[in-house]
Amino acid sequence: MRRAERGFTLLEVLVALAILALGLGAAARAGLAAADTAGALRERLLAGWVAEDRAALLRATRAWPEPGTSAGRSRQGGRDFVWRQQVAPAAQGQFRRVEIAVSGEGGGEAALVRRVGYLGAP
């Protein structure tokens, strides 16, 4: 009588490898998605700092900007950003509404961050 041999058949090994490949592929996709998300969050964080810097500068200098739009460039965290500042009179004459929008270095894409604040008359 012949003894049953122990071990895996070729089919069992192929099925195990296929399952392993699917699992590793899913893990790789999840890792790439997490890296993309982290990059986007970093970009928004830096853009937020640019907007906060602009708002802090207006408050610190006690500026009373004229209504209208102005734009400029700023560097934060080794990246260049384009900011656009819109000033409009508020409902009461003693205040100005300031909206600061910050986008990436090209400036053509949608704003990464928008901040709205109010300045009191000096």
PDB file of N, CA and C in Angstrom:
ATOM      1  N   MET A   1       0.816  -1.168   0.000  1.00  0.00           N
ATOM      2  CA  MET A   1       0.000   0.000   0.000  1.00  0.00           C
ATOM      3  C   MET A   1       0.871   1.246   0.000  1.00  0.00           C
ATOM      4  N   ARG A   2       0.436   2.239  -0.695  1.00  0.00           N
ATOM      5  CA  ARG A   2       1.211   3.460  -0.856  1.00  0.00           C
ATOM      6  C   ARG A   2       0.848   4.473   0.230  1.00  0.00           C
ATOM      7  N   ARG A   3       1.869   5.146   0.780  1.00  0.00           N
ATOM      8  CA  ARG A   3       1.631   6.131   1.830  1.00  0.00           C
ATOM      9  C   ARG A   3       1.205   7.454   1.190  1.00  0.00           C
ATOM     10  N   ALA A   4       0.305   8.156   1.867  1.00  0.00           N
ATOM     11  CA  ALA A   4      -0.110   9.484   1.383  1.00  0.00           C
ATOM     12  C   ALA A   4       1.025  10.472   1.641  1.00  0.00           C
ATOM     13  N   GLU A   5       1.365  11.186   0.638  1.00  0.00           N
ATOM     14  CA  GLU A   5       2.449  12.147   0.798  1.00  0.00           C
ATOM     15  C   GLU A   5       1.892  13.449   1.367  1.00  0.00           C
ATOM     16  N   ARG A   6       2.714  14.090   2.174  1.00  0.00           N
ATOM     17  CA  ARG A   6       2.311  15.352   2.783  1.00  0.00           C
ATOM     18  C   ARG A   6       2.848  16.509   1.950  1.00  0.00           C
ATOM     19  N   GLY A   7       2.155  17.637   2.015  1.00  0.00           N
ATOM     20  CA  GLY A   7       2.590  18.805   1.275  1.00  0.00           C
ATOM     21  C   GLY A   7       1.417  19.438   0.550  1.00  0.00           C
ATOM     22  N   PHE A   8       1.706  20.505  -0.169  1.00  0.00           N
ATOM     23  CA  PHE A   8       0.668  21.228  -0.882  1.00  0.00           C
ATOM     24  C   PHE A   8       0.731  20.878  -2.353  1.00  0.00           C
ATOM     25  N   THR A   9      -0.437  20.902  -2.947  1.00  0.00           N
ATOM     26  CA  THR A   9      -0.466  20.679  -4.385  1.00  0.00           C
ATOM     27  C   THR A   9      -0.168  22.004  -5.080  1.00  0.00           C
ATOM     28  N   LEU A  10       0.147  21.928  -6.329  1.00  0.00           N
ATOM     29  CA  LEU A  10       0.439  23.128  -7.108  1.00  0.00           C
ATOM     30  C   LEU A  10      -0.764  24.058  -7.130  1.00  0.00           C
ATOM     31  N   LEU A  11      -1.946  23.524  -7.216  1.00  0.00           N
ATOM     32  CA  LEU A  11      -3.166  24.336  -7.240  1.00  0.00           C
ATOM     33  C   LEU A  11      -3.324  25.099  -5.928  1.00  0.00           C
ATOM     34  N   GLU A  12      -3.064  24.459  -4.810  1.00  0.00           N
ATOM     35  CA  GLU A  12      -3.189  25.122  -3.518  1.00  0.00           C
ATOM     36  C   GLU A  12      -2.169  26.264  -3.389  1.00  0.00           C
ATOM     37  N   VAL A  13      -0.974  26.044  -3.869  1.00  0.00           N
ATOM     38  CA  VAL A  13       0.050  27.085  -3.826  1.00  0.00           C
ATOM     39  C   VAL A  13      -0.354  28.267  -4.705  1.00  0.00           C
ATOM     40  N   LEU A  14      -0.886  28.001  -5.890  1.00  0.00           N
ATOM     41  CA  LEU A  14      -1.314  29.085  -6.785  1.00  0.00           C
ATOM     42  C   LEU A  14      -2.459  29.888  -6.188  1.00  0.00           C
ATOM     43  N   VAL A  15      -3.405  29.228  -5.552  1.00  0.00           N
ATOM     44  CA  VAL A  15      -4.523  29.926  -4.916  1.00  0.00           C
ATOM     45  C   VAL A  15      -3.996  30.807  -3.778  1.00  0.00           C
ATOM     46  N   ALA A  16      -3.076  30.285  -2.976  1.00  0.00           N
ATOM     47  CA  ALA A  16      -2.509  31.068  -1.885  1.00  0.00           C
ATOM     48  C   ALA A  16      -1.753  32.285  -2.413  1.00  0.00           C
ATOM     49  N   LEU A  17      -1.012  32.127  -3.487  1.00  0.00           N
ATOM     50  CA  LEU A  17      -0.288  33.250  -4.076  1.00  0.00           C
ATOM     51  C   LEU A  17      -1.244  34.296  -4.644  1.00  0.00           C
ATOM     52  N   ALA A  18      -2.333  33.846  -5.244  1.00  0.00           N
ATOM     53  CA  ALA A  18      -3.323  34.789  -5.780  1.00  0.00           C
ATOM     54  C   ALA A  18      -3.951  35.605  -4.654  1.00  0.00           C
ATOM     55  N   ILE A  19      -4.291  34.966  -3.554  1.00  0.00           N
ATOM     56  CA  ILE A  19      -4.865  35.671  -2.411  1.00  0.00           C
ATOM     57  C   ILE A  19      -3.856  36.664  -1.838  1.00  0.00           C
ATOM     58  N   LEU A  20      -2.612  36.236  -1.725  1.00  0.00           N
ATOM     59  CA  LEU A  20      -1.558  37.114  -1.228  1.00  0.00           C
ATOM     60  C   LEU A  20      -1.357  38.321  -2.149  1.00  0.00           C
ATOM     61  N   ALA A  21      -1.381  38.098  -3.455  1.00  0.00           N
ATOM     62  CA  ALA A  21      -1.216  39.194  -4.416  1.00  0.00           C
ATOM     63  C   ALA A  21      -2.357  40.201  -4.308  1.00  0.00           C
ATOM     64  N   LEU A  22      -3.588  39.728  -4.136  1.00  0.00           N
ATOM     65  CA  LEU A  22      -4.726  40.637  -3.982  1.00  0.00           C
ATOM     66  C   LEU A  22      -4.592  41.462  -2.707  1.00  0.00           C
ATOM     67  N   GLY A  23      -4.180  40.821  -1.625  1.00  0.00           N
ATOM     68  CA  GLY A  23      -4.013  41.529  -0.362  1.00  0.00           C
ATOM     69  C   GLY A  23      -2.922  42.580  -0.437  1.00  0.00           C
ATOM     70  N   LEU A  24      -1.793  42.234  -1.037  1.00  0.00           N
ATOM     71  CA  LEU A  24      -0.698  43.192  -1.166  1.00  0.00           C
ATOM     72  C   LEU A  24      -1.063  44.347  -2.098  1.00  0.00           C
ATOM     73  N   GLY A  25      -1.809  44.050  -3.152  1.00  0.00           N
ATOM     74  CA  GLY A  25      -2.251  45.112  -4.062  1.00  0.00           C
ATOM     75  C   GLY A  25      -3.170  46.100  -3.357  1.00  0.00           C
ATOM     76  N   ALA A  26      -4.086  45.577  -2.549  1.00  0.00           N
ATOM     77  CA  ALA A  26      -4.995  46.455  -1.802  1.00  0.00           C
ATOM     78  C   ALA A  26      -4.224  47.288  -0.785  1.00  0.00           C
ATOM     79  N   ALA A  27      -3.249  46.693  -0.124  1.00  0.00           N
ATOM     80  CA  ALA A  27      -2.440  47.432   0.845  1.00  0.00           C
ATOM     81  C   ALA A  27      -1.625  48.533   0.159  1.00  0.00           C
ATOM     82  N   ALA A  28      -1.096  48.245  -1.014  1.00  0.00           N
ATOM     83  CA  ALA A  28      -0.327  49.252  -1.753  1.00  0.00           C
ATOM     84  C   ALA A  28      -1.216  50.418  -2.165  1.00  0.00           C
ATOM     85  N   ARG A  29      -2.422  50.127  -2.645  1.00  0.00           N
ATOM     86  CA  ARG A  29      -3.351  51.197  -3.026  1.00  0.00           C
ATOM     87  C   ARG A  29      -3.721  52.051  -1.818  1.00  0.00           C
ATOM     88  N   ALA A  30      -3.945  51.413  -0.678  1.00  0.00           N
ATOM     89  CA  ALA A  30      -4.288  52.163   0.537  1.00  0.00           C
ATOM     90  C   ALA A  30      -3.120  53.056   0.961  1.00  0.00           C
ATOM     91  N   GLY A  31      -1.903  52.559   0.847  1.00  0.00           N
ATOM     92  CA  GLY A  31      -0.738  53.361   1.191  1.00  0.00           C
ATOM     93  C   GLY A  31      -0.570  54.556   0.281  1.00  0.00           C
ATOM     94  N   LEU A  32      -0.787  54.365  -1.007  1.00  0.00           N
ATOM     95  CA  LEU A  32      -0.681  55.479  -1.955  1.00  0.00           C
ATOM     96  C   LEU A  32      -1.761  56.522  -1.708  1.00  0.00           C
ATOM     97  N   ALA A  33      -2.966  56.061  -1.402  1.00  0.00           N
ATOM     98  CA  ALA A  33      -4.058  56.997  -1.111  1.00  0.00           C
ATOM     99  C   ALA A  33      -3.751  57.805   0.142  1.00  0.00           C
ATOM    100  N   ALA A  34      -3.175  57.163   1.147  1.00  0.00           N
ATOM    101  CA  ALA A  34      -2.811  57.875   2.378  1.00  0.00           C
ATOM    102  C   ALA A  34      -1.724  58.911   2.100  1.00  0.00           C
ATOM    103  N   ALA A  35      -0.761  58.562   1.253  1.00  0.00           N
ATOM    104  CA  ALA A  35       0.308  59.512   0.912  1.00  0.00           C
ATOM    105  C   ALA A  35      -0.261  60.705   0.151  1.00  0.00           C
ATOM    106  N   ASP A  36      -1.180  60.471  -0.775  1.00  0.00           N
ATOM    107  CA  ASP A  36      -1.805  61.574  -1.513  1.00  0.00           C
ATOM    108  C   ASP A  36      -2.584  62.483  -0.570  1.00  0.00           C
ATOM    109  N   THR A  37      -3.308  61.882   0.354  1.00  0.00           N
ATOM    110  CA  THR A  37      -4.082  62.660   1.317  1.00  0.00           C
ATOM    111  C   THR A  37      -3.170  63.491   2.201  1.00  0.00           C
ATOM    112  N   ALA A  38      -2.082  62.914   2.645  1.00  0.00           N
ATOM    113  CA  ALA A  38      -1.140  63.652   3.495  1.00  0.00           C
ATOM    114  C   ALA A  38      -0.541  64.835   2.739  1.00  0.00           C
ATOM    115  N   GLY A  39      -0.225  64.642   1.459  1.00  0.00           N
ATOM    116  CA  GLY A  39       0.311  65.739   0.654  1.00  0.00           C
ATOM    117  C   GLY A  39      -0.701  66.863   0.483  1.00  0.00           C
ATOM    118  N   ALA A  40      -1.955  66.502   0.242  1.00  0.00           N
ATOM    119  CA  ALA A  40      -2.997  67.514   0.074  1.00  0.00           C
ATOM    120  C   ALA A  40      -3.237  68.270   1.382  1.00  0.00           C
ATOM    121  N   LEU A  41      -3.221  67.563   2.494  1.00  0.00           N
ATOM    122  CA  LEU A  41      -3.411  68.225   3.781  1.00  0.00           C
ATOM    123  C   LEU A  41      -2.260  69.172   4.096  1.00  0.00           C
ATOM    124  N   ARG A  42      -1.054  68.776   3.756  1.00  0.00           N
ATOM    125  CA  ARG A  42       0.105  69.650   3.974  1.00  0.00           C
ATOM    126  C   ARG A  42      -0.033  70.916   3.138  1.00  0.00           C
ATOM    127  N   GLU A  43      -0.464  70.749   1.900  1.00  0.00           N
ATOM    128  CA  GLU A  43      -0.648  71.897   1.009  1.00  0.00           C
ATOM    129  C   GLU A  43      -1.689  72.867   1.572  1.00  0.00           C
ATOM    130  N   ARG A  44      -2.795  72.338   2.065  1.00  0.00           N
ATOM    131  CA  ARG A  44      -3.840  73.193   2.640  1.00  0.00           C
ATOM    132  C   ARG A  44      -3.378  73.862   3.928  1.00  0.00           C
ATOM    133  N   LEU A  45      -2.613  73.134   4.718  1.00  0.00           N
ATOM    134  CA  LEU A  45      -2.093  73.712   5.957  1.00  0.00           C
ATOM    135  C   LEU A  45      -1.184  74.895   5.653  1.00  0.00           C
ATOM    136  N   LEU A  46      -0.264  74.723   4.716  1.00  0.00           N
ATOM    137  CA  LEU A  46       0.639  75.816   4.352  1.00  0.00           C
ATOM    138  C   LEU A  46      -0.131  76.991   3.763  1.00  0.00           C
ATOM    139  N   ALA A  47      -1.131  76.713   2.930  1.00  0.00           N
ATOM    140  CA  ALA A  47      -1.958  77.785   2.352  1.00  0.00           C
ATOM    141  C   ALA A  47      -2.717  78.522   3.452  1.00  0.00           C
ATOM    142  N   GLY A  48      -3.170  77.803   4.453  1.00  0.00           N
ATOM    143  CA  GLY A  48      -3.851  78.433   5.583  1.00  0.00           C
ATOM    144  C   GLY A  48      -2.926  79.364   6.341  1.00  0.00           C
ATOM    145  N   TRP A  49      -1.676  78.964   6.478  1.00  0.00           N
ATOM    146  CA  TRP A  49      -0.706  79.833   7.143  1.00  0.00           C
ATOM    147  C   TRP A  49      -0.454  81.105   6.343  1.00  0.00           C
ATOM    148  N   VAL A  50      -0.431  80.991   5.012  1.00  0.00           N
ATOM    149  CA  VAL A  50      -0.262  82.184   4.176  1.00  0.00           C
ATOM    150  C   VAL A  50      -1.427  83.146   4.403  1.00  0.00           C
ATOM    151  N   ALA A  51      -2.640  82.621   4.435  1.00  0.00           N
ATOM    152  CA  ALA A  51      -3.822  83.467   4.656  1.00  0.00           C
ATOM    153  C   ALA A  51      -3.778  84.100   6.046  1.00  0.00           C
ATOM    154  N   GLU A  52      -3.401  83.325   7.041  1.00  0.00           N
ATOM    155  CA  GLU A  52      -3.315  83.862   8.396  1.00  0.00           C
ATOM    156  C   GLU A  52      -2.228  84.930   8.500  1.00  0.00           C
ATOM    157  N   ASP A  53      -1.122  84.729   7.806  1.00  0.00           N
ATOM    158  CA  ASP A  53      -0.053  85.740   7.793  1.00  0.00           C
ATOM    159  C   ASP A  53      -0.549  87.050   7.212  1.00  0.00           C
ATOM    160  N   ARG A  54      -1.301  86.964   6.107  1.00  0.00           N
ATOM    161  CA  ARG A  54      -1.841  88.184   5.489  1.00  0.00           C
ATOM    162  C   ARG A  54      -2.790  88.895   6.443  1.00  0.00           C
ATOM    163  N   ALA A  55      -3.668  88.141   7.076  1.00  0.00           N
ATOM    164  CA  ALA A  55      -4.634  88.733   8.005  1.00  0.00           C
ATOM    165  C   ALA A  55      -3.909  89.340   9.209  1.00  0.00           C
ATOM    166  N   ALA A  56      -2.900  88.661   9.725  1.00  0.00           N
ATOM    167  CA  ALA A  56      -2.139  89.176  10.865  1.00  0.00           C
ATOM    168  C   ALA A  56      -1.399  90.453  10.499  1.00  0.00           C
ATOM    169  N   LEU A  57      -0.882  90.521   9.281  1.00  0.00           N
ATOM    170  CA  LEU A  57      -0.188  91.733   8.834  1.00  0.00           C
ATOM    171  C   LEU A  57      -1.146  92.923   8.799  1.00  0.00           C
ATOM    172  N   LEU A  58      -2.357  92.695   8.305  1.00  0.00           N
ATOM    173  CA  LEU A  58      -3.348  93.780   8.273  1.00  0.00           C
ATOM    174  C   LEU A  58      -3.698  94.245   9.679  1.00  0.00           C
ATOM    175  N   ARG A  59      -3.862  93.306  10.601  1.00  0.00           N
ATOM    176  CA  ARG A  59      -4.196  93.675  11.982  1.00  0.00           C
ATOM    177  C   ARG A  59      -3.023  94.368  12.663  1.00  0.00           C
ATOM    178  N   ALA A  60      -1.816  93.855  12.462  1.00  0.00           N
ATOM    179  CA  ALA A  60      -0.641  94.407  13.150  1.00  0.00           C
ATOM    180  C   ALA A  60      -0.314  95.823  12.695  1.00  0.00           C
ATOM    181  N   THR A  61      -0.529  96.105  11.416  1.00  0.00           N
ATOM    182  CA  THR A  61      -0.233  97.445  10.897  1.00  0.00           C
ATOM    183  C   THR A  61      -1.426  98.386  11.032  1.00  0.00           C
ATOM    184  N   ARG A  62      -2.512  97.870  11.589  1.00  0.00           N
ATOM    185  CA  ARG A  62      -3.755  98.634  11.735  1.00  0.00           C
ATOM    186  C   ARG A  62      -4.156  99.255  10.393  1.00  0.00           C
ATOM    187  N   ALA A  63      -4.043  98.461   9.358  1.00  0.00           N
ATOM    188  CA  ALA A  63      -4.335  98.913   7.994  1.00  0.00           C
ATOM    189  C   ALA A  63      -5.826  99.174   7.823  1.00  0.00           C
ATOM    190  N   TRP A  64      -6.127 100.097   6.942  1.00  0.00           N
ATOM    191  CA  TRP A  64      -7.509 100.410   6.559  1.00  0.00           C
ATOM    192  C   TRP A  64      -7.537 100.410   5.031  1.00  0.00           C
ATOM    193  N   PRO A  65      -7.487  99.199   4.432  1.00  0.00           N
ATOM    194  CA  PRO A  65      -7.372  99.128   2.972  1.00  0.00           C
ATOM    195  C   PRO A  65      -8.627  99.630   2.270  1.00  0.00           C
ATOM    196  N   GLU A  66      -8.391 100.204   1.104  1.00  0.00           N
ATOM    197  CA  GLU A  66      -9.500 100.655   0.273  1.00  0.00           C
ATOM    198  C   GLU A  66     -10.217  99.444  -0.311  1.00  0.00           C
ATOM    199  N   PRO A  67     -11.533  99.557  -0.546  1.00  0.00           N
ATOM    200  CA  PRO A  67     -12.240  98.434  -1.181  1.00  0.00           C
ATOM    201  C   PRO A  67     -11.641  98.128  -2.551  1.00  0.00           C
ATOM    202  N   GLY A  68     -11.551  96.859  -2.858  1.00  0.00           N
ATOM    203  CA  GLY A  68     -10.980  96.424  -4.128  1.00  0.00           C
ATOM    204  C   GLY A  68     -10.257  95.106  -3.963  1.00  0.00           C
ATOM    205  N   THR A  69      -9.559  94.725  -5.006  1.00  0.00           N
ATOM    206  CA  THR A  69      -8.852  93.443  -5.018  1.00  0.00           C
ATOM    207  C   THR A  69      -7.359  93.679  -5.197  1.00  0.00           C
ATOM    208  N   SER A  70      -6.584  92.929  -4.448  1.00  0.00           N
ATOM    209  CA  SER A  70      -5.138  92.948  -4.620  1.00  0.00           C
ATOM    210  C   SER A  70      -4.637  91.511  -4.574  1.00  0.00           C
ATOM    211  N   ALA A  71      -3.464  91.295  -5.118  1.00  0.00           N
ATOM    212  CA  ALA A  71      -2.917  89.935  -5.175  1.00  0.00           C
ATOM    213  C   ALA A  71      -1.416  89.991  -4.989  1.00  0.00           C
ATOM    214  N   GLY A  72      -0.860  88.851  -4.666  1.00  0.00           N
ATOM    215  CA  GLY A  72       0.576  88.768  -4.492  1.00  0.00           C
ATOM    216  C   GLY A  72       1.015  87.324  -4.346  1.00  0.00           C
ATOM    217  N   ARG A  73       2.287  87.166  -4.122  1.00  0.00           N
ATOM    218  CA  ARG A  73       2.873  85.830  -3.946  1.00  0.00           C
ATOM    219  C   ARG A  73       3.505  85.757  -2.564  1.00  0.00           C
ATOM    220  N   SER A  74       3.503  84.548  -2.032  1.00  0.00           N
ATOM    221  CA  SER A  74       4.123  84.330  -0.732  1.00  0.00           C
ATOM    222  C   SER A  74       4.730  82.937  -0.720  1.00  0.00           C
ATOM    223  N   ARG A  75       5.794  82.786   0.055  1.00  0.00           N
ATOM    224  CA  ARG A  75       6.467  81.485   0.156  1.00  0.00           C
ATOM    225  C   ARG A  75       6.283  80.962   1.568  1.00  0.00           C
ATOM    226  N   GLN A  76       5.892  79.718   1.670  1.00  0.00           N
ATOM    227  CA  GLN A  76       5.661  79.099   2.968  1.00  0.00           C
ATOM    228  C   GLN A  76       6.066  77.633   2.888  1.00  0.00           C
ATOM    229  N   GLY A  77       6.917  77.196   3.772  1.00  0.00           N
ATOM    230  CA  GLY A  77       7.301  75.789   3.804  1.00  0.00           C
ATOM    231  C   GLY A  77       7.988  75.316   2.536  1.00  0.00           C
ATOM    232  N   GLY A  78       8.716  76.201   1.889  1.00  0.00           N
ATOM    233  CA  GLY A  78       9.415  75.820   0.666  1.00  0.00           C
ATOM    234  C   GLY A  78       8.528  75.773  -0.565  1.00  0.00           C
ATOM    235  N   ARG A  79       7.293  76.227  -0.456  1.00  0.00           N
ATOM    236  CA  ARG A  79       6.369  76.234  -1.588  1.00  0.00           C
ATOM    237  C   ARG A  79       5.917  77.658  -1.863  1.00  0.00           C
ATOM    238  N   ASP A  80       5.627  77.945  -3.116  1.00  0.00           N
ATOM    239  CA  ASP A  80       5.114  79.257  -3.503  1.00  0.00           C
ATOM    240  C   ASP A  80       3.599  79.201  -3.601  1.00  0.00           C
ATOM    241  N   PHE A  81       2.971  80.257  -3.098  1.00  0.00           N
ATOM    242  CA  PHE A  81       1.519  80.361  -3.144  1.00  0.00           C
ATOM    243  C   PHE A  81       1.133  81.723  -3.712  1.00  0.00           C
ATOM    244  N   VAL A  82      -0.037  81.787  -4.291  1.00  0.00           N
ATOM    245  CA  VAL A  82      -0.597  83.043  -4.799  1.00  0.00           C
ATOM    246  C   VAL A  82      -1.790  83.382  -3.912  1.00  0.00           C
ATOM    247  N   TRP A  83      -1.808  84.581  -3.371  1.00  0.00           N
ATOM    248  CA  TRP A  83      -2.940  85.017  -2.564  1.00  0.00           C
ATOM    249  C   TRP A  83      -3.678  86.149  -3.266  1.00  0.00           C
ATOM    250  N   ARG A  84      -4.966  86.204  -3.019  1.00  0.00           N
ATOM    251  CA  ARG A  84      -5.816  87.263  -3.569  1.00  0.00           C
ATOM    252  C   ARG A  84      -6.663  87.795  -2.426  1.00  0.00           C
ATOM    253  N   GLN A  85      -6.634  89.095  -2.263  1.00  0.00           N
ATOM    254  CA  GLN A  85      -7.331  89.729  -1.149  1.00  0.00           C
ATOM    255  C   GLN A  85      -8.421  90.640  -1.691  1.00  0.00           C
ATOM    256  N   GLN A  86      -9.650  90.406  -1.264  1.00  0.00           N
ATOM    257  CA  GLN A  86     -10.778  91.246  -1.663  1.00  0.00           C
ATOM    258  C   GLN A  86     -11.272  92.002  -0.441  1.00  0.00           C
ATOM    259  N   VAL A  87     -11.308  93.312  -0.563  1.00  0.00           N
ATOM    260  CA  VAL A  87     -11.763  94.168   0.532  1.00  0.00           C
ATOM    261  C   VAL A  87     -13.068  94.817   0.103  1.00  0.00           C
ATOM    262  N   ALA A  88     -14.052  94.763   0.990  1.00  0.00           N
ATOM    263  CA  ALA A  88     -15.354  95.378   0.710  1.00  0.00           C
ATOM    264  C   ALA A  88     -15.844  96.061   1.977  1.00  0.00           C
ATOM    265  N   PRO A  89     -16.615  97.133   1.826  1.00  0.00           N
ATOM    266  CA  PRO A  89     -17.173  97.766   3.020  1.00  0.00           C
ATOM    267  C   PRO A  89     -18.178  96.818   3.677  1.00  0.00           C
ATOM    268  N   ALA A  90     -18.183  96.810   4.990  1.00  0.00           N
ATOM    269  CA  ALA A  90     -19.152  95.996   5.723  1.00  0.00           C
ATOM    270  C   ALA A  90     -20.447  96.794   5.866  1.00  0.00           C
ATOM    271  N   ALA A  91     -21.436  96.169   6.471  1.00  0.00           N
ATOM    272  CA  ALA A  91     -22.743  96.822   6.614  1.00  0.00           C
ATOM    273  C   ALA A  91     -22.632  98.140   7.374  1.00  0.00           C
ATOM    274  N   GLN A  92     -21.773  98.166   8.372  1.00  0.00           N
ATOM    275  CA  GLN A  92     -21.525  99.410   9.093  1.00  0.00           C
ATOM    276  C   GLN A  92     -20.256 100.033   8.533  1.00  0.00           C
ATOM    277  N   GLY A  93     -20.223 101.338   8.439  1.00  0.00           N
ATOM    278  CA  GLY A  93     -19.103 102.021   7.816  1.00  0.00           C
ATOM    279  C   GLY A  93     -17.795 101.925   8.578  1.00  0.00           C
ATOM    280  N   GLN A  94     -17.833 101.475   9.805  1.00  0.00           N
ATOM    281  CA  GLN A  94     -16.619 101.411  10.626  1.00  0.00           C
ATOM    282  C   GLN A  94     -15.844 100.110  10.443  1.00  0.00           C
ATOM    283  N   PHE A  95     -16.293  99.264   9.521  1.00  0.00           N
ATOM    284  CA  PHE A  95     -15.643  97.967   9.329  1.00  0.00           C
ATOM    285  C   PHE A  95     -15.387  97.705   7.852  1.00  0.00           C
ATOM    286  N   ARG A  96     -14.404  96.888   7.586  1.00  0.00           N
ATOM    287  CA  ARG A  96     -14.112  96.398   6.242  1.00  0.00           C
ATOM    288  C   ARG A  96     -14.117  94.872   6.301  1.00  0.00           C
ATOM    289  N   ARG A  97     -14.738  94.283   5.296  1.00  0.00           N
ATOM    290  CA  ARG A  97     -14.736  92.820   5.160  1.00  0.00           C
ATOM    291  C   ARG A  97     -13.554  92.451   4.267  1.00  0.00           C
ATOM    292  N   VAL A  98     -12.699  91.565   4.754  1.00  0.00           N
ATOM    293  CA  VAL A  98     -11.513  91.152   4.008  1.00  0.00           C
ATOM    294  C   VAL A  98     -11.594  89.647   3.774  1.00  0.00           C
ATOM    295  N   GLU A  99     -11.573  89.257   2.497  1.00  0.00           N
ATOM    296  CA  GLU A  99     -11.545  87.839   2.142  1.00  0.00           C
ATOM    297  C   GLU A  99     -10.204  87.546   1.482  1.00  0.00           C
ATOM    298  N   ILE A 100      -9.498  86.567   2.027  1.00  0.00           N
ATOM    299  CA  ILE A 100      -8.191  86.187   1.499  1.00  0.00           C
ATOM    300  C   ILE A 100      -8.300  84.767   0.964  1.00  0.00           C
ATOM    301  N   ALA A 101      -8.024  84.609  -0.326  1.00  0.00           N
ATOM    302  CA  ALA A 101      -8.043  83.290  -0.967  1.00  0.00           C
ATOM    303  C   ALA A 101      -6.620  82.949  -1.380  1.00  0.00           C
ATOM    304  N   VAL A 102      -6.190  81.732  -1.076  1.00  0.00           N
ATOM    305  CA  VAL A 102      -4.830  81.298  -1.382  1.00  0.00           C
ATOM    306  C   VAL A 102      -4.902  80.058  -2.261  1.00  0.00           C
ATOM    307  N   SER A 103      -4.148  80.095  -3.368  1.00  0.00           N
ATOM    308  CA  SER A 103      -4.080  78.937  -4.267  1.00  0.00           C
ATOM    309  C   SER A 103      -2.616  78.564  -4.481  1.00  0.00           C
ATOM    310  N   GLY A 104      -2.405  77.474  -5.202  1.00  0.00           N
ATOM    311  CA  GLY A 104      -1.051  77.002  -5.470  1.00  0.00           C
ATOM    312  C   GLY A 104      -0.278  77.983  -6.321  1.00  0.00           C
ATOM    313  N   GLU A 105       0.974  77.656  -6.600  1.00  0.00           N
ATOM    314  CA  GLU A 105       1.862  78.597  -7.282  1.00  0.00           C
ATOM    315  C   GLU A 105       1.383  79.007  -8.666  1.00  0.00           C
ATOM    316  N   GLY A 106       0.606  78.156  -9.352  1.00  0.00           N
ATOM    317  CA  GLY A 106       0.084  78.535 -10.660  1.00  0.00           C
ATOM    318  C   GLY A 106      -0.978  79.610 -10.554  1.00  0.00           C
ATOM    319  N   GLY A 107      -1.740  79.597  -9.466  1.00  0.00           N
ATOM    320  CA  GLY A 107      -2.765  80.596  -9.242  1.00  0.00           C
ATOM    321  C   GLY A 107      -4.041  80.356 -10.020  1.00  0.00           C
ATOM    322  N   GLY A 108      -4.010  79.476 -11.026  1.00  0.00           N
ATOM    323  CA  GLY A 108      -5.196  79.262 -11.841  1.00  0.00           C
ATOM    324  C   GLY A 108      -6.184  78.291 -11.240  1.00  0.00           C
ATOM    325  N   GLU A 109      -5.705  77.429 -10.377  1.00  0.00           N
ATOM    326  CA  GLU A 109      -6.592  76.422  -9.805  1.00  0.00           C
ATOM    327  C   GLU A 109      -7.485  77.033  -8.738  1.00  0.00           C
ATOM    328  N   ALA A 110      -8.434  76.258  -8.269  1.00  0.00           N
ATOM    329  CA  ALA A 110      -9.338  76.735  -7.227  1.00  0.00           C
ATOM    330  C   ALA A 110      -8.551  77.018  -5.957  1.00  0.00           C
ATOM    331  N   ALA A 111      -9.082  77.897  -5.142  1.00  0.00           N
ATOM    332  CA  ALA A 111      -8.402  78.279  -3.907  1.00  0.00           C
ATOM    333  C   ALA A 111      -8.297  77.083  -2.965  1.00  0.00           C
ATOM    334  N   LEU A 112      -7.129  76.923  -2.387  1.00  0.00           N
ATOM    335  CA  LEU A 112      -6.928  75.875  -1.390  1.00  0.00           C
ATOM    336  C   LEU A 112      -7.572  76.263  -0.071  1.00  0.00           C
ATOM    337  N   VAL A 113      -7.522  77.570   0.225  1.00  0.00           N
ATOM    338  CA  VAL A 113      -8.031  78.088   1.496  1.00  0.00           C
ATOM    339  C   VAL A 113      -8.684  79.442   1.259  1.00  0.00           C
ATOM    340  N   ARG A 114      -9.769  79.702   1.979  1.00  0.00           N
ATOM    341  CA  ARG A 114     -10.405  81.021   1.987  1.00  0.00           C
ATOM    342  C   ARG A 114     -10.598  81.435   3.446  1.00  0.00           C
ATOM    343  N   ARG A 115     -10.195  82.633   3.761  1.00  0.00           N
ATOM    344  CA  ARG A 115     -10.375  83.171   5.105  1.00  0.00           C
ATOM    345  C   ARG A 115     -11.106  84.508   4.974  1.00  0.00           C
ATOM    346  N   VAL A 116     -12.078  84.731   5.835  1.00  0.00           N
ATOM    347  CA  VAL A 116     -12.824  85.979   5.846  1.00  0.00           C
ATOM    348  C   VAL A 116     -12.679  86.589   7.228  1.00  0.00           C
ATOM    349  N   GLY A 117     -12.386  87.871   7.249  1.00  0.00           N
ATOM    350  CA  GLY A 117     -12.264  88.575   8.519  1.00  0.00           C
ATOM    351  C   GLY A 117     -12.754  90.011   8.376  1.00  0.00           C
ATOM    352  N   TYR A 118     -12.782  90.716   9.487  1.00  0.00           N
ATOM    353  CA  TYR A 118     -13.253  92.092   9.493  1.00  0.00           C
ATOM    354  C   TYR A 118     -12.224  92.963  10.190  1.00  0.00           C
ATOM    355  N   LEU A 119     -12.020  94.134   9.643  1.00  0.00           N
ATOM    356  CA  LEU A 119     -11.105  95.114  10.240  1.00  0.00           C
ATOM    357  C   LEU A 119     -11.911  96.302  10.731  1.00  0.00           C
ATOM    358  N   GLY A 120     -11.580  96.789  11.912  1.00  0.00           N
ATOM    359  CA  GLY A 120     -12.218  97.998  12.438  1.00  0.00           C
ATOM    360  C   GLY A 120     -11.434  99.221  12.016  1.00  0.00           C
ATOM    361  N   ALA A 121     -12.132 100.327  11.919  1.00  0.00           N
ATOM    362  CA  ALA A 121     -11.480 101.583  11.529  1.00  0.00           C
ATOM    363  C   ALA A 121     -10.440 101.960  12.575  1.00  0.00           C
ATOM    364  N   PRO A 122      -9.265 102.428  12.114  1.00  0.00           N
ATOM    365  CA  PRO A 122      -8.218 102.806  13.090  1.00  0.00           C
ATOM    366  C   PRO A 122      -8.575 104.073  13.830  1.00  0.00           C
TER     367      PRO A 122
END
